[in-house]
């Protein structure tokens, strides 16, 4: 697969100038699972849009199905016609439109940041890194939740706020969890508690 144009010298010069003008993306979104903040897609775009345009650079992100799996293509384009491309599979925690949309947003944010070099000090994907082999061995023997609990989460998700569910799907995707049926028993109480609290708060907002 060809991931760049034959020449990228002009693009490289423009990107170097662009990176010299960019700052770190502002962490203005809350991650309710790590009780921390992270830079969302809008914040990343706000950081890079002007420096990119000023230096003749632009971004194009498209979707493509490869081996029956949805992927995101991110292209860094230069006014000279030179380009660089990266491809990332879409991971969604729930196999419906909302879950897929969250997975796409998650991929767009990370691919955009990676291809132009925006730093994100964010704990949004912290759990994707297993820092302790002993913990990994323990995790391997923890069973996944049963059908009844999966159904409970699916039904509860319809009552939750869309923004909250997007963050939950991003969190699960960072762990490699593609849908609720892959959640392990030790995670279930925390996820259920958070969803129930959000559903109740969302219901009160609807009533008012």
N, C-alpha and C. Protein backbone atom coordinates (compact mmCIF):
# COMPACT_ATOMS: atom_id res chain seq x y z
N UNK A 1 0.84 -1.20 0.00
CA UNK A 1 0.00 0.00 0.00
C UNK A 1 0.88 1.25 0.00
N UNK A 2 0.60 2.17 -0.91
CA UNK A 2 1.38 3.39 -1.01
C UNK A 2 0.86 4.42 0.00
N UNK A 3 1.72 4.84 0.93
CA UNK A 3 1.29 5.74 1.99
C UNK A 3 1.77 7.17 1.83
N UNK A 4 2.43 7.46 0.70
CA UNK A 4 2.86 8.83 0.46
C UNK A 4 3.12 9.04 -1.03
N UNK A 5 3.16 10.30 -1.42
CA UNK A 5 3.49 10.64 -2.81
C UNK A 5 4.97 10.36 -3.06
N UNK A 6 5.36 10.34 -4.31
CA UNK A 6 6.75 10.04 -4.65
C UNK A 6 7.72 11.03 -4.01
N UNK A 7 7.31 12.27 -3.93
CA UNK A 7 8.13 13.31 -3.29
C UNK A 7 7.33 13.95 -2.16
N UNK A 8 7.99 14.24 -1.05
CA UNK A 8 7.30 14.92 0.05
C UNK A 8 8.14 16.08 0.60
N UNK A 9 9.12 16.55 -0.19
CA UNK A 9 10.02 17.58 0.30
C UNK A 9 9.30 18.88 0.63
N UNK A 10 8.40 19.31 -0.25
CA UNK A 10 7.67 20.55 0.00
C UNK A 10 6.69 20.40 1.16
N UNK A 11 6.07 19.25 1.23
CA UNK A 11 5.16 18.96 2.34
C UNK A 11 5.93 18.98 3.65
N UNK A 12 7.10 18.36 3.68
CA UNK A 12 7.90 18.29 4.90
C UNK A 12 8.29 19.67 5.40
N UNK A 13 8.67 20.55 4.49
CA UNK A 13 9.04 21.92 4.87
C UNK A 13 7.83 22.66 5.44
N UNK A 14 6.68 22.51 4.77
CA UNK A 14 5.46 23.17 5.23
C UNK A 14 5.02 22.63 6.58
N UNK A 15 5.15 21.32 6.79
CA UNK A 15 4.74 20.71 8.06
C UNK A 15 5.65 21.18 9.19
N UNK A 16 6.93 21.30 8.90
CA UNK A 16 7.86 21.78 9.92
C UNK A 16 7.49 23.19 10.38
N UNK A 17 7.13 24.05 9.43
CA UNK A 17 6.70 25.41 9.77
C UNK A 17 5.39 25.38 10.56
N UNK A 18 4.49 24.51 10.12
CA UNK A 18 3.19 24.38 10.78
C UNK A 18 3.36 23.94 12.23
N UNK A 19 4.23 22.95 12.45
CA UNK A 19 4.44 22.45 13.81
C UNK A 19 5.08 23.50 14.71
N UNK A 20 5.87 24.38 14.11
CA UNK A 20 6.48 25.45 14.89
C UNK A 20 5.48 26.48 15.37
N UNK A 21 4.31 26.50 14.73
CA UNK A 21 3.27 27.47 15.08
C UNK A 21 2.17 26.88 15.97
N UNK A 22 2.13 25.54 16.07
CA UNK A 22 1.07 24.89 16.83
C UNK A 22 1.44 24.74 18.30
N UNK A 23 0.43 24.80 19.15
CA UNK A 23 0.60 24.51 20.57
C UNK A 23 -0.07 23.17 20.87
N UNK A 24 0.08 22.69 22.09
CA UNK A 24 -0.60 21.46 22.47
C UNK A 24 -2.11 21.68 22.47
N UNK A 25 -2.85 20.66 22.11
CA UNK A 25 -4.31 20.78 22.10
C UNK A 25 -4.83 20.99 23.52
N UNK A 26 -5.81 21.88 23.64
CA UNK A 26 -6.37 22.20 24.94
C UNK A 26 -7.24 21.07 25.46
N UNK A 27 -6.97 20.65 26.69
CA UNK A 27 -7.75 19.58 27.31
C UNK A 27 -9.01 20.19 27.93
N UNK A 28 -10.10 20.17 27.19
CA UNK A 28 -11.32 20.83 27.66
C UNK A 28 -12.52 19.90 27.77
N UNK A 29 -12.31 18.58 27.63
CA UNK A 29 -13.40 17.63 27.78
C UNK A 29 -13.11 16.70 28.95
N UNK A 30 -14.16 16.31 29.66
CA UNK A 30 -14.01 15.45 30.83
C UNK A 30 -14.09 13.98 30.47
N UNK A 31 -13.19 13.19 31.04
CA UNK A 31 -13.27 11.73 30.96
C UNK A 31 -13.83 11.25 32.29
N UNK A 32 -15.10 10.81 32.34
CA UNK A 32 -15.73 10.46 33.61
C UNK A 32 -15.17 9.18 34.21
N UNK A 33 -14.39 8.42 33.46
CA UNK A 33 -13.90 7.13 33.93
C UNK A 33 -12.55 7.24 34.62
N UNK A 34 -11.71 8.19 34.18
CA UNK A 34 -10.43 8.43 34.83
C UNK A 34 -10.45 9.74 35.61
N UNK A 35 -11.63 10.41 35.62
CA UNK A 35 -11.80 11.69 36.31
C UNK A 35 -10.67 12.65 35.90
N UNK A 36 -10.50 12.79 34.60
CA UNK A 36 -9.45 13.64 34.06
C UNK A 36 -10.00 14.37 32.84
N UNK A 37 -9.17 15.21 32.25
CA UNK A 37 -9.59 15.94 31.06
C UNK A 37 -8.76 15.50 29.86
N UNK A 38 -9.33 15.66 28.67
CA UNK A 38 -8.61 15.32 27.45
C UNK A 38 -9.02 16.29 26.34
N UNK A 39 -8.22 16.32 25.28
CA UNK A 39 -8.50 17.20 24.14
C UNK A 39 -9.40 16.47 23.16
N UNK A 40 -10.61 16.99 22.94
CA UNK A 40 -11.53 16.32 22.02
C UNK A 40 -11.22 16.74 20.58
N UNK A 41 -11.99 16.21 19.63
CA UNK A 41 -11.73 16.46 18.21
C UNK A 41 -11.81 17.95 17.88
N UNK A 42 -12.79 18.65 18.44
CA UNK A 42 -12.93 20.09 18.17
C UNK A 42 -11.72 20.86 18.66
N UNK A 43 -11.18 20.48 19.81
CA UNK A 43 -10.02 21.15 20.37
C UNK A 43 -8.78 20.92 19.50
N UNK A 44 -8.64 19.70 19.01
CA UNK A 44 -7.50 19.39 18.14
C UNK A 44 -7.58 20.21 16.86
N UNK A 45 -8.79 20.28 16.28
CA UNK A 45 -8.96 21.07 15.05
C UNK A 45 -8.69 22.55 15.31
N UNK A 46 -9.16 23.05 16.44
CA UNK A 46 -8.95 24.47 16.76
C UNK A 46 -7.47 24.78 16.88
N UNK A 47 -6.69 23.80 17.32
CA UNK A 47 -5.25 23.98 17.48
C UNK A 47 -4.51 24.04 16.16
N UNK A 48 -4.96 23.22 15.19
CA UNK A 48 -4.17 23.08 13.97
C UNK A 48 -4.74 23.76 12.72
N UNK A 49 -6.00 24.17 12.73
CA UNK A 49 -6.65 24.65 11.50
C UNK A 49 -5.90 25.84 10.86
N UNK A 50 -5.63 26.87 11.63
CA UNK A 50 -4.97 28.06 11.08
C UNK A 50 -3.52 27.77 10.63
N UNK A 51 -2.69 27.11 11.46
CA UNK A 51 -1.33 26.79 11.02
C UNK A 51 -1.30 25.92 9.76
N UNK A 52 -2.23 24.98 9.64
CA UNK A 52 -2.29 24.15 8.45
C UNK A 52 -2.58 25.00 7.21
N UNK A 53 -3.65 25.78 7.30
CA UNK A 53 -4.06 26.61 6.15
C UNK A 53 -2.98 27.61 5.76
N UNK A 54 -2.38 28.21 6.76
CA UNK A 54 -1.34 29.22 6.53
C UNK A 54 -0.16 28.66 5.73
N UNK A 55 0.11 27.37 5.91
CA UNK A 55 1.27 26.74 5.27
C UNK A 55 0.89 25.82 4.10
N UNK A 56 -0.30 26.02 3.57
CA UNK A 56 -0.71 25.28 2.38
C UNK A 56 -1.00 23.82 2.62
N UNK A 57 -1.35 23.48 3.86
CA UNK A 57 -1.64 22.10 4.23
C UNK A 57 -3.13 21.91 4.51
N UNK A 58 -3.62 20.73 4.31
CA UNK A 58 -5.01 20.42 4.62
C UNK A 58 -5.12 18.95 4.99
N UNK A 59 -6.23 18.61 5.61
CA UNK A 59 -6.49 17.23 6.05
C UNK A 59 -7.76 16.71 5.39
N UNK A 60 -7.72 15.47 4.91
CA UNK A 60 -8.91 14.79 4.40
C UNK A 60 -9.02 13.46 5.12
N UNK A 61 -10.20 13.18 5.68
CA UNK A 61 -10.42 11.90 6.37
C UNK A 61 -11.61 11.20 5.73
N UNK A 62 -11.39 10.00 5.24
CA UNK A 62 -12.42 9.24 4.55
C UNK A 62 -12.53 7.84 5.14
N UNK A 63 -13.68 7.22 4.91
CA UNK A 63 -13.91 5.86 5.41
C UNK A 63 -13.78 4.86 4.27
N UNK A 64 -13.26 3.68 4.62
CA UNK A 64 -13.05 2.63 3.62
C UNK A 64 -13.23 1.27 4.29
N UNK A 65 -13.87 0.34 3.60
CA UNK A 65 -14.02 -1.01 4.12
C UNK A 65 -12.90 -1.89 3.57
N UNK A 66 -12.12 -2.47 4.48
CA UNK A 66 -11.02 -3.36 4.12
C UNK A 66 -11.23 -4.70 4.81
N UNK A 67 -11.37 -5.76 4.03
CA UNK A 67 -11.62 -7.10 4.59
C UNK A 67 -12.82 -7.10 5.54
N UNK A 68 -13.89 -6.45 5.09
CA UNK A 68 -15.15 -6.38 5.84
C UNK A 68 -15.03 -5.59 7.15
N UNK A 69 -13.98 -4.81 7.31
CA UNK A 69 -13.78 -4.00 8.50
C UNK A 69 -13.65 -2.54 8.10
N UNK A 70 -14.41 -1.67 8.78
CA UNK A 70 -14.37 -0.24 8.47
C UNK A 70 -13.06 0.38 8.95
N UNK A 71 -12.42 1.16 8.07
CA UNK A 71 -11.17 1.84 8.39
C UNK A 71 -11.30 3.34 8.11
N UNK A 72 -10.51 4.12 8.82
CA UNK A 72 -10.43 5.56 8.58
C UNK A 72 -9.12 5.87 7.87
N UNK A 73 -9.21 6.53 6.73
CA UNK A 73 -8.03 7.02 6.01
C UNK A 73 -7.84 8.49 6.34
N UNK A 74 -6.65 8.87 6.76
CA UNK A 74 -6.33 10.27 7.04
C UNK A 74 -5.21 10.70 6.10
N UNK A 75 -5.47 11.73 5.30
CA UNK A 75 -4.49 12.22 4.34
C UNK A 75 -4.05 13.64 4.71
N UNK A 76 -2.76 13.83 4.80
CA UNK A 76 -2.19 15.16 4.97
C UNK A 76 -1.78 15.62 3.57
N UNK A 77 -2.43 16.69 3.10
CA UNK A 77 -2.25 17.17 1.73
C UNK A 77 -1.52 18.51 1.70
N UNK A 78 -0.69 18.70 0.67
CA UNK A 78 0.00 19.98 0.49
C UNK A 78 -0.42 20.58 -0.84
N UNK A 79 -0.39 21.90 -0.93
CA UNK A 79 -0.83 22.60 -2.13
C UNK A 79 -0.02 22.20 -3.37
N UNK A 80 1.16 21.65 -3.17
CA UNK A 80 2.00 21.19 -4.28
C UNK A 80 1.48 19.90 -4.91
N UNK A 81 0.56 19.23 -4.20
CA UNK A 81 0.06 17.93 -4.65
C UNK A 81 0.69 16.77 -3.90
N UNK A 82 1.67 17.06 -3.07
CA UNK A 82 2.30 16.00 -2.27
C UNK A 82 1.39 15.62 -1.10
N UNK A 83 1.53 14.38 -0.64
CA UNK A 83 0.62 13.89 0.39
C UNK A 83 1.22 12.75 1.20
N UNK A 84 0.68 12.55 2.39
CA UNK A 84 1.00 11.42 3.26
C UNK A 84 -0.32 10.84 3.76
N UNK A 85 -0.40 9.52 3.87
CA UNK A 85 -1.64 8.87 4.26
C UNK A 85 -1.42 7.88 5.40
N UNK A 86 -2.38 7.80 6.31
CA UNK A 86 -2.37 6.77 7.35
C UNK A 86 -3.75 6.12 7.39
N UNK A 87 -3.80 4.87 7.81
CA UNK A 87 -5.06 4.13 7.88
C UNK A 87 -5.19 3.45 9.23
N UNK A 88 -6.39 3.55 9.82
CA UNK A 88 -6.63 2.98 11.15
C UNK A 88 -7.97 2.28 11.16
N UNK A 89 -8.07 1.06 11.72
CA UNK A 89 -9.37 0.39 11.83
C UNK A 89 -10.26 1.09 12.83
N UNK A 90 -11.55 1.09 12.59
CA UNK A 90 -12.52 1.70 13.49
C UNK A 90 -12.95 0.65 14.53
N UNK A 91 -12.80 1.01 15.80
CA UNK A 91 -13.23 0.13 16.89
C UNK A 91 -14.42 0.78 17.58
N UNK A 92 -15.54 0.08 17.63
CA UNK A 92 -16.73 0.63 18.29
C UNK A 92 -17.20 -0.33 19.36
N UNK A 93 -17.57 0.23 20.52
CA UNK A 93 -17.98 -0.59 21.64
C UNK A 93 -19.39 -1.14 21.47
N UNK A 94 -20.17 -0.49 20.64
CA UNK A 94 -21.55 -0.92 20.42
C UNK A 94 -21.82 -0.90 18.93
N UNK A 95 -22.33 -1.98 18.39
CA UNK A 95 -22.49 -2.11 16.95
C UNK A 95 -23.80 -1.50 16.46
N UNK A 96 -23.94 -0.19 16.63
CA UNK A 96 -25.07 0.54 16.08
C UNK A 96 -24.55 1.89 15.60
N UNK A 97 -25.44 2.74 15.12
CA UNK A 97 -25.02 4.02 14.55
C UNK A 97 -24.29 4.88 15.58
N UNK A 98 -24.79 4.91 16.80
CA UNK A 98 -24.17 5.73 17.83
C UNK A 98 -22.78 5.22 18.18
N UNK A 99 -22.66 3.89 18.35
CA UNK A 99 -21.38 3.31 18.69
C UNK A 99 -20.37 3.50 17.58
N UNK A 100 -20.81 3.31 16.33
CA UNK A 100 -19.91 3.48 15.20
C UNK A 100 -19.47 4.93 15.07
N UNK A 101 -20.42 5.86 15.30
CA UNK A 101 -20.08 7.28 15.23
C UNK A 101 -19.02 7.66 16.25
N UNK A 102 -19.13 7.10 17.45
CA UNK A 102 -18.15 7.38 18.50
C UNK A 102 -16.78 6.81 18.13
N UNK A 103 -16.79 5.60 17.56
CA UNK A 103 -15.54 5.00 17.14
C UNK A 103 -14.85 5.80 16.05
N UNK A 104 -15.64 6.34 15.13
CA UNK A 104 -15.09 7.16 14.05
C UNK A 104 -14.50 8.45 14.62
N UNK A 105 -15.23 9.09 15.54
CA UNK A 105 -14.74 10.32 16.15
C UNK A 105 -13.43 10.08 16.89
N UNK A 106 -13.37 8.98 17.61
CA UNK A 106 -12.17 8.61 18.37
C UNK A 106 -10.98 8.44 17.41
N UNK A 107 -11.20 7.72 16.31
CA UNK A 107 -10.14 7.48 15.33
C UNK A 107 -9.72 8.77 14.66
N UNK A 108 -10.70 9.62 14.31
CA UNK A 108 -10.37 10.89 13.64
C UNK A 108 -9.47 11.74 14.52
N UNK A 109 -9.78 11.79 15.81
CA UNK A 109 -9.00 12.62 16.73
C UNK A 109 -7.55 12.15 16.83
N UNK A 110 -7.37 10.86 17.03
CA UNK A 110 -6.02 10.34 17.20
C UNK A 110 -5.22 10.36 15.90
N UNK A 111 -5.87 10.05 14.79
CA UNK A 111 -5.15 10.05 13.51
C UNK A 111 -4.76 11.46 13.09
N UNK A 112 -5.65 12.42 13.32
CA UNK A 112 -5.34 13.82 13.01
C UNK A 112 -4.16 14.29 13.85
N UNK A 113 -4.20 14.00 15.14
CA UNK A 113 -3.11 14.41 16.03
C UNK A 113 -1.79 13.76 15.63
N UNK A 114 -1.86 12.47 15.27
CA UNK A 114 -0.63 11.73 14.95
C UNK A 114 0.01 12.21 13.66
N UNK A 115 -0.79 12.47 12.64
CA UNK A 115 -0.21 12.76 11.33
C UNK A 115 0.41 14.15 11.24
N UNK A 116 -0.03 15.07 12.12
CA UNK A 116 0.59 16.41 12.09
C UNK A 116 1.41 16.71 13.34
N UNK A 117 1.42 15.76 14.30
CA UNK A 117 2.30 15.90 15.45
C UNK A 117 1.78 16.75 16.59
N UNK A 118 0.46 16.78 16.78
CA UNK A 118 -0.10 17.51 17.92
C UNK A 118 0.04 16.66 19.17
N UNK A 119 0.58 17.25 20.24
CA UNK A 119 0.69 16.49 21.49
C UNK A 119 -0.62 16.57 22.25
N UNK A 120 -0.99 15.42 22.84
CA UNK A 120 -2.19 15.36 23.67
C UNK A 120 -1.82 14.66 24.96
N UNK A 121 -1.75 15.43 26.05
CA UNK A 121 -1.51 14.82 27.35
C UNK A 121 -2.81 14.31 27.86
N UNK A 122 -3.28 13.17 27.39
CA UNK A 122 -4.61 12.82 27.78
C UNK A 122 -4.71 11.43 28.33
N UNK A 123 -5.56 11.27 29.32
CA UNK A 123 -5.77 9.96 29.95
C UNK A 123 -6.91 9.20 29.31
N UNK A 124 -7.41 9.75 28.21
CA UNK A 124 -8.56 9.14 27.53
C UNK A 124 -8.26 7.70 27.11
N UNK A 125 -7.01 7.42 26.73
CA UNK A 125 -6.67 6.06 26.31
C UNK A 125 -5.68 5.40 27.24
N UNK A 126 -5.55 5.90 28.46
CA UNK A 126 -4.57 5.40 29.41
C UNK A 126 -4.70 3.91 29.64
N UNK A 127 -5.93 3.43 29.72
CA UNK A 127 -6.12 2.02 30.04
C UNK A 127 -5.73 1.10 28.91
N UNK A 128 -5.45 1.66 27.74
CA UNK A 128 -5.02 0.81 26.62
C UNK A 128 -3.62 0.28 26.87
N UNK A 129 -2.87 0.92 27.80
CA UNK A 129 -1.52 0.48 28.11
C UNK A 129 -1.54 -0.35 29.38
N UNK A 130 -1.17 -1.62 29.28
CA UNK A 130 -1.11 -2.50 30.44
C UNK A 130 0.29 -2.40 31.01
N UNK A 131 0.44 -1.74 32.14
CA UNK A 131 1.76 -1.46 32.68
C UNK A 131 2.26 -2.55 33.61
N UNK A 132 1.44 -3.55 33.89
CA UNK A 132 1.85 -4.54 34.87
C UNK A 132 1.50 -5.93 34.39
N UNK A 133 2.51 -6.78 34.20
CA UNK A 133 2.26 -8.12 33.67
C UNK A 133 1.40 -8.93 34.62
N UNK A 134 1.57 -8.71 35.92
CA UNK A 134 0.77 -9.45 36.88
C UNK A 134 -0.70 -9.10 36.74
N UNK A 135 -0.97 -7.80 36.55
CA UNK A 135 -2.35 -7.38 36.35
C UNK A 135 -2.93 -8.01 35.10
N UNK A 136 -2.11 -8.13 34.05
CA UNK A 136 -2.58 -8.70 32.81
C UNK A 136 -2.95 -10.17 33.00
N UNK A 137 -2.15 -10.89 33.80
CA UNK A 137 -2.45 -12.30 34.04
C UNK A 137 -3.76 -12.46 34.80
N UNK A 138 -3.99 -11.56 35.76
CA UNK A 138 -5.24 -11.60 36.51
C UNK A 138 -6.42 -11.29 35.61
N UNK A 139 -6.26 -10.28 34.77
CA UNK A 139 -7.34 -9.88 33.87
C UNK A 139 -7.73 -11.01 32.92
N UNK A 140 -6.75 -11.83 32.55
CA UNK A 140 -7.02 -12.91 31.60
C UNK A 140 -8.00 -13.94 32.15
N UNK A 141 -8.07 -14.06 33.48
CA UNK A 141 -8.94 -15.10 34.05
C UNK A 141 -10.28 -14.56 34.51
N UNK A 142 -10.48 -13.24 34.41
CA UNK A 142 -11.76 -12.65 34.81
C UNK A 142 -12.79 -12.91 33.71
N UNK A 143 -13.93 -13.52 34.03
CA UNK A 143 -14.92 -13.85 32.99
C UNK A 143 -15.64 -12.61 32.47
N UNK A 144 -16.17 -12.73 31.26
CA UNK A 144 -16.97 -11.65 30.70
C UNK A 144 -18.39 -11.75 31.23
N UNK A 145 -19.13 -10.66 31.11
CA UNK A 145 -20.50 -10.64 31.62
C UNK A 145 -21.41 -11.51 30.75
N UNK A 146 -22.51 -11.96 31.35
CA UNK A 146 -23.45 -12.82 30.64
C UNK A 146 -24.45 -12.03 29.80
N UNK A 147 -25.31 -12.76 29.11
CA UNK A 147 -26.30 -12.16 28.21
C UNK A 147 -27.24 -11.19 28.91
N UNK A 148 -27.65 -11.54 30.12
CA UNK A 148 -28.60 -10.70 30.86
C UNK A 148 -28.00 -9.32 31.15
N UNK A 149 -26.73 -9.29 31.53
CA UNK A 149 -26.09 -8.02 31.84
C UNK A 149 -25.83 -7.21 30.57
N UNK A 150 -25.50 -7.90 29.49
CA UNK A 150 -25.32 -7.21 28.20
C UNK A 150 -26.62 -6.52 27.81
N UNK A 151 -27.73 -7.26 27.93
CA UNK A 151 -29.04 -6.70 27.59
C UNK A 151 -29.38 -5.51 28.47
N UNK A 152 -29.00 -5.61 29.76
CA UNK A 152 -29.26 -4.53 30.70
C UNK A 152 -28.53 -3.25 30.28
N UNK A 153 -27.28 -3.39 29.86
CA UNK A 153 -26.50 -2.23 29.44
C UNK A 153 -27.04 -1.63 28.14
N UNK A 154 -27.44 -2.49 27.22
CA UNK A 154 -27.97 -2.02 25.93
C UNK A 154 -29.25 -1.22 26.15
N UNK A 155 -30.15 -1.75 26.99
CA UNK A 155 -31.41 -1.05 27.26
C UNK A 155 -31.15 0.27 28.00
N UNK A 156 -30.18 0.25 28.91
CA UNK A 156 -29.87 1.45 29.69
C UNK A 156 -29.22 2.52 28.81
N UNK A 157 -28.47 2.10 27.81
CA UNK A 157 -27.77 3.05 26.94
C UNK A 157 -28.75 3.96 26.20
N UNK A 158 -29.96 3.46 25.92
CA UNK A 158 -30.97 4.26 25.23
C UNK A 158 -31.49 5.40 26.09
N UNK A 159 -31.27 5.30 27.41
CA UNK A 159 -31.75 6.31 28.34
C UNK A 159 -30.67 7.34 28.69
N UNK A 160 -29.43 7.06 28.25
CA UNK A 160 -28.31 7.93 28.60
C UNK A 160 -28.13 9.06 27.59
N UNK A 161 -27.43 10.08 28.03
CA UNK A 161 -27.11 11.22 27.18
C UNK A 161 -26.11 10.78 26.11
N UNK A 162 -26.28 11.27 24.88
CA UNK A 162 -25.42 10.87 23.77
C UNK A 162 -23.96 11.21 24.02
N UNK A 163 -23.70 12.37 24.62
CA UNK A 163 -22.33 12.78 24.89
C UNK A 163 -21.66 11.83 25.87
N UNK A 164 -22.40 11.43 26.89
CA UNK A 164 -21.86 10.48 27.88
C UNK A 164 -21.55 9.15 27.23
N UNK A 165 -22.45 8.66 26.38
CA UNK A 165 -22.24 7.38 25.72
C UNK A 165 -21.05 7.43 24.77
N UNK A 166 -20.85 8.57 24.14
CA UNK A 166 -19.70 8.71 23.24
C UNK A 166 -18.41 8.55 24.01
N UNK A 167 -18.34 9.14 25.20
CA UNK A 167 -17.14 9.03 26.03
C UNK A 167 -16.97 7.60 26.54
N UNK A 168 -18.09 6.94 26.87
CA UNK A 168 -18.01 5.56 27.31
C UNK A 168 -17.49 4.66 26.19
N UNK A 169 -18.01 4.85 24.98
CA UNK A 169 -17.57 4.04 23.85
C UNK A 169 -16.09 4.27 23.56
N UNK A 170 -15.64 5.51 23.68
CA UNK A 170 -14.23 5.81 23.45
C UNK A 170 -13.36 5.11 24.51
N UNK A 171 -13.83 5.13 25.74
CA UNK A 171 -13.11 4.48 26.84
C UNK A 171 -13.01 2.98 26.59
N UNK A 172 -14.13 2.35 26.22
CA UNK A 172 -14.12 0.91 25.96
C UNK A 172 -13.25 0.58 24.75
N UNK A 173 -13.32 1.43 23.73
CA UNK A 173 -12.51 1.20 22.53
C UNK A 173 -11.03 1.25 22.86
N UNK A 174 -10.64 2.12 23.80
CA UNK A 174 -9.23 2.22 24.19
C UNK A 174 -8.74 0.94 24.85
N UNK A 175 -9.69 0.14 25.37
CA UNK A 175 -9.35 -1.14 25.99
C UNK A 175 -9.45 -2.29 25.01
N UNK A 176 -9.82 -1.98 23.77
CA UNK A 176 -9.98 -3.03 22.77
C UNK A 176 -11.32 -3.74 22.88
N UNK A 177 -12.28 -3.14 23.60
CA UNK A 177 -13.60 -3.74 23.78
C UNK A 177 -14.51 -3.23 22.68
N UNK A 178 -14.97 -4.13 21.82
CA UNK A 178 -15.74 -3.74 20.64
C UNK A 178 -17.23 -3.60 20.91
N UNK A 179 -17.75 -4.31 21.90
CA UNK A 179 -19.16 -4.21 22.25
C UNK A 179 -19.36 -4.63 23.70
N UNK A 180 -20.58 -4.44 24.20
CA UNK A 180 -20.85 -4.73 25.61
C UNK A 180 -20.59 -6.18 25.99
N UNK A 181 -20.71 -7.09 25.05
CA UNK A 181 -20.54 -8.52 25.35
C UNK A 181 -19.10 -8.87 25.71
N UNK A 182 -18.16 -7.94 25.48
CA UNK A 182 -16.75 -8.19 25.80
C UNK A 182 -16.35 -7.62 27.16
N UNK A 183 -17.29 -6.95 27.84
CA UNK A 183 -16.99 -6.37 29.15
C UNK A 183 -16.82 -7.47 30.19
N UNK A 184 -15.82 -7.33 31.04
CA UNK A 184 -15.56 -8.34 32.07
C UNK A 184 -16.30 -7.98 33.36
N UNK A 185 -16.48 -9.01 34.17
CA UNK A 185 -17.30 -8.88 35.38
C UNK A 185 -16.77 -7.80 36.32
N UNK A 186 -15.45 -7.64 36.41
CA UNK A 186 -14.91 -6.66 37.34
C UNK A 186 -15.17 -5.22 36.90
N UNK A 187 -15.43 -5.02 35.60
CA UNK A 187 -15.71 -3.69 35.08
C UNK A 187 -17.19 -3.33 35.16
N UNK A 188 -18.02 -4.36 35.17
CA UNK A 188 -19.46 -4.16 35.04
C UNK A 188 -20.06 -3.22 36.10
N UNK A 189 -19.78 -3.40 37.40
CA UNK A 189 -20.41 -2.53 38.42
C UNK A 189 -20.13 -1.05 38.18
N UNK A 190 -18.89 -0.72 37.83
CA UNK A 190 -18.52 0.69 37.62
C UNK A 190 -19.24 1.26 36.41
N UNK A 191 -19.28 0.48 35.32
CA UNK A 191 -19.95 0.95 34.10
C UNK A 191 -21.45 1.09 34.33
N UNK A 192 -22.03 0.11 35.00
CA UNK A 192 -23.47 0.15 35.28
C UNK A 192 -23.82 1.34 36.16
N UNK A 193 -23.03 1.58 37.20
CA UNK A 193 -23.29 2.69 38.11
C UNK A 193 -23.24 4.03 37.38
N UNK A 194 -22.23 4.19 36.52
CA UNK A 194 -22.09 5.44 35.78
C UNK A 194 -23.24 5.66 34.81
N UNK A 195 -23.64 4.59 34.12
CA UNK A 195 -24.74 4.69 33.16
C UNK A 195 -26.06 4.99 33.85
N UNK A 196 -26.29 4.35 34.99
CA UNK A 196 -27.53 4.58 35.72
C UNK A 196 -27.62 6.02 36.21
N UNK A 197 -26.49 6.54 36.71
CA UNK A 197 -26.47 7.92 37.19
C UNK A 197 -26.73 8.89 36.04
N UNK A 198 -26.14 8.63 34.90
CA UNK A 198 -26.34 9.51 33.74
C UNK A 198 -27.77 9.42 33.22
N UNK A 199 -28.33 8.20 33.21
CA UNK A 199 -29.69 8.01 32.73
C UNK A 199 -30.69 8.76 33.61
N UNK A 200 -30.45 8.71 34.92
CA UNK A 200 -31.33 9.42 35.85
C UNK A 200 -31.23 10.93 35.66
N UNK A 201 -30.01 11.42 35.49
CA UNK A 201 -29.81 12.86 35.29
C UNK A 201 -30.42 13.30 33.97
N UNK A 202 -30.28 12.46 32.95
CA UNK A 202 -30.82 12.76 31.63
C UNK A 202 -32.35 12.79 31.67
N UNK A 203 -32.92 11.90 32.45
CA UNK A 203 -34.38 11.84 32.58
C UNK A 203 -34.92 13.12 33.24
N UNK A 204 -34.19 13.60 34.26
CA UNK A 204 -34.62 14.83 34.94
C UNK A 204 -34.56 16.03 34.00
N UNK A 205 -33.53 16.06 33.14
CA UNK A 205 -33.41 17.18 32.19
C UNK A 205 -34.56 17.15 31.20
N UNK A 206 -34.95 15.96 30.76
CA UNK A 206 -36.06 15.82 29.80
C UNK A 206 -37.36 16.28 30.43
N UNK A 207 -37.55 15.95 31.71
CA UNK A 207 -38.78 16.31 32.41
C UNK A 207 -38.91 17.83 32.58
N UNK A 208 -37.75 18.48 32.79
CA UNK A 208 -37.80 19.93 32.98
C UNK A 208 -37.86 20.66 31.65
